[in-house]
Amino acid sequence: MSDNDRRSVDQELVREIVQIAVHETLMQLGIDTDDPKAHQADMMYLRRQREFQEGAKKHTTYGVILLAAVASRCWLIPAILSSLKEAIK
């Protein structure tokens, strides 16, 4: 057997070993390697959910800040005006 033939056999053996190891690892993680399109669709769905939640969190934060600003003005301005009225009397 020549060196090139031996390398070719070794490379094929390594590929087979790696393929089996990756397949077994993915199966242990619950990923069906027989249907990669379904797994890709699942990952895309999870990504869209994460992006939606991140966007919703940002909008909720802005809403809370705006609500706090409006509420403080609604409370603060009348309180200042009543204090000024009392100070003027």
Protein backbone atom coordinates (compact mmCIF):
# COMPACT_ATOMS: atom_id res chain seq x y z
CA MET A 1 0.00 0.00 0.00
CA SER A 2 1.47 3.36 -0.98
CA ASP A 3 1.60 6.42 1.24
CA ASN A 4 -1.15 8.13 -0.79
CA ASP A 5 -3.42 5.11 -0.44
CA ARG A 6 -2.73 4.94 3.29
CA ARG A 7 -3.51 8.67 3.68
CA SER A 8 -6.71 8.27 1.72
CA VAL A 9 -7.82 5.38 3.92
CA ASP A 10 -6.84 7.31 7.06
CA GLN A 11 -8.79 10.37 5.92
CA GLU A 12 -11.87 8.27 5.16
CA LEU A 13 -11.61 6.60 8.57
CA VAL A 14 -11.29 9.97 10.31
CA ARG A 15 -14.31 11.30 8.39
CA GLU A 16 -16.39 8.28 9.40
CA ILE A 17 -15.35 8.59 13.05
CA VAL A 18 -16.12 12.30 13.12
CA GLN A 19 -19.45 11.78 11.36
CA ILE A 20 -20.50 9.13 13.86
CA ALA A 21 -19.36 11.25 16.83
CA VAL A 22 -21.22 14.34 15.59
CA HIS A 23 -24.36 12.31 14.83
CA GLU A 24 -24.37 10.73 18.30
CA THR A 25 -23.72 14.08 19.99
CA LEU A 26 -26.54 15.80 18.14
CA MET A 27 -28.91 12.92 18.90
CA GLN A 28 -28.04 13.18 22.61
CA LEU A 29 -28.90 16.88 22.43
CA GLY A 30 -32.28 15.97 20.93
CA ILE A 31 -31.52 17.15 17.41
CA ASP A 32 -32.85 14.89 14.68
CA THR A 33 -30.09 14.67 12.10
CA ASP A 34 -32.39 12.94 9.61
CA ASP A 35 -34.43 16.14 9.13
CA PRO A 36 -32.11 19.16 9.21
CA LYS A 37 -34.72 21.44 7.56
CA ALA A 38 -37.10 20.93 10.49
CA HIS A 39 -34.33 21.75 12.95
CA GLN A 40 -33.42 24.88 10.97
CA ALA A 41 -37.07 25.95 11.06
CA ASP A 42 -37.15 25.41 14.83
CA MET A 43 -34.01 27.52 15.27
CA MET A 44 -35.45 30.29 13.06
CA TYR A 45 -38.64 30.27 15.15
CA LEU A 46 -36.64 30.54 18.38
CA ARG A 47 -34.59 33.40 16.95
CA ARG A 48 -37.75 35.30 15.93
CA GLN A 49 -39.18 34.78 19.43
CA ARG A 50 -35.98 36.06 21.05
CA GLU A 51 -35.84 39.11 18.78
CA PHE A 52 -39.52 39.85 19.47
CA GLN A 53 -39.00 39.60 23.22
CA GLU A 54 -35.95 41.85 23.08
CA GLY A 55 -37.95 44.43 21.09
CA ALA A 56 -40.89 44.16 23.46
CA LYS A 57 -38.58 44.62 26.45
CA LYS A 58 -37.13 47.78 24.90
CA HIS A 59 -40.58 49.19 24.12
CA THR A 60 -41.81 48.32 27.60
CA THR A 61 -38.83 50.12 29.14
CA TYR A 62 -39.53 53.22 27.04
CA GLY A 63 -43.19 53.05 28.03
CA VAL A 64 -42.39 52.84 31.73
CA ILE A 65 -39.99 55.78 31.49
CA LEU A 66 -42.56 57.84 29.60
CA LEU A 67 -45.29 56.92 32.07
CA ALA A 68 -43.06 57.86 35.00
CA ALA A 69 -42.23 61.20 33.36
CA VAL A 70 -45.88 62.00 32.68
CA ALA A 71 -46.96 60.88 36.14
CA SER A 72 -44.25 62.92 37.83
CA ARG A 73 -45.24 66.02 35.88
CA CYS A 74 -48.91 65.49 36.65
CA TRP A 75 -48.06 65.23 40.33
CA LEU A 76 -45.15 67.66 40.49
CA ILE A 77 -46.65 70.67 38.68
CA PRO A 78 -49.83 70.85 40.82
CA ALA A 79 -47.69 70.39 43.96
CA ILE A 80 -45.42 73.29 42.93
CA LEU A 81 -48.37 75.49 41.99
CA SER A 82 -50.11 74.85 45.30
CA SER A 83 -46.85 75.62 47.14
CA LEU A 84 -46.51 78.88 45.20
CA LYS A 85 -50.12 79.83 45.95
CA GLU A 86 -49.50 79.25 49.64
CA ALA A 87 -46.26 81.24 49.55
CA ILE A 88 -47.99 84.17 47.84
CA LYS A 89 -50.78 84.35 50.43
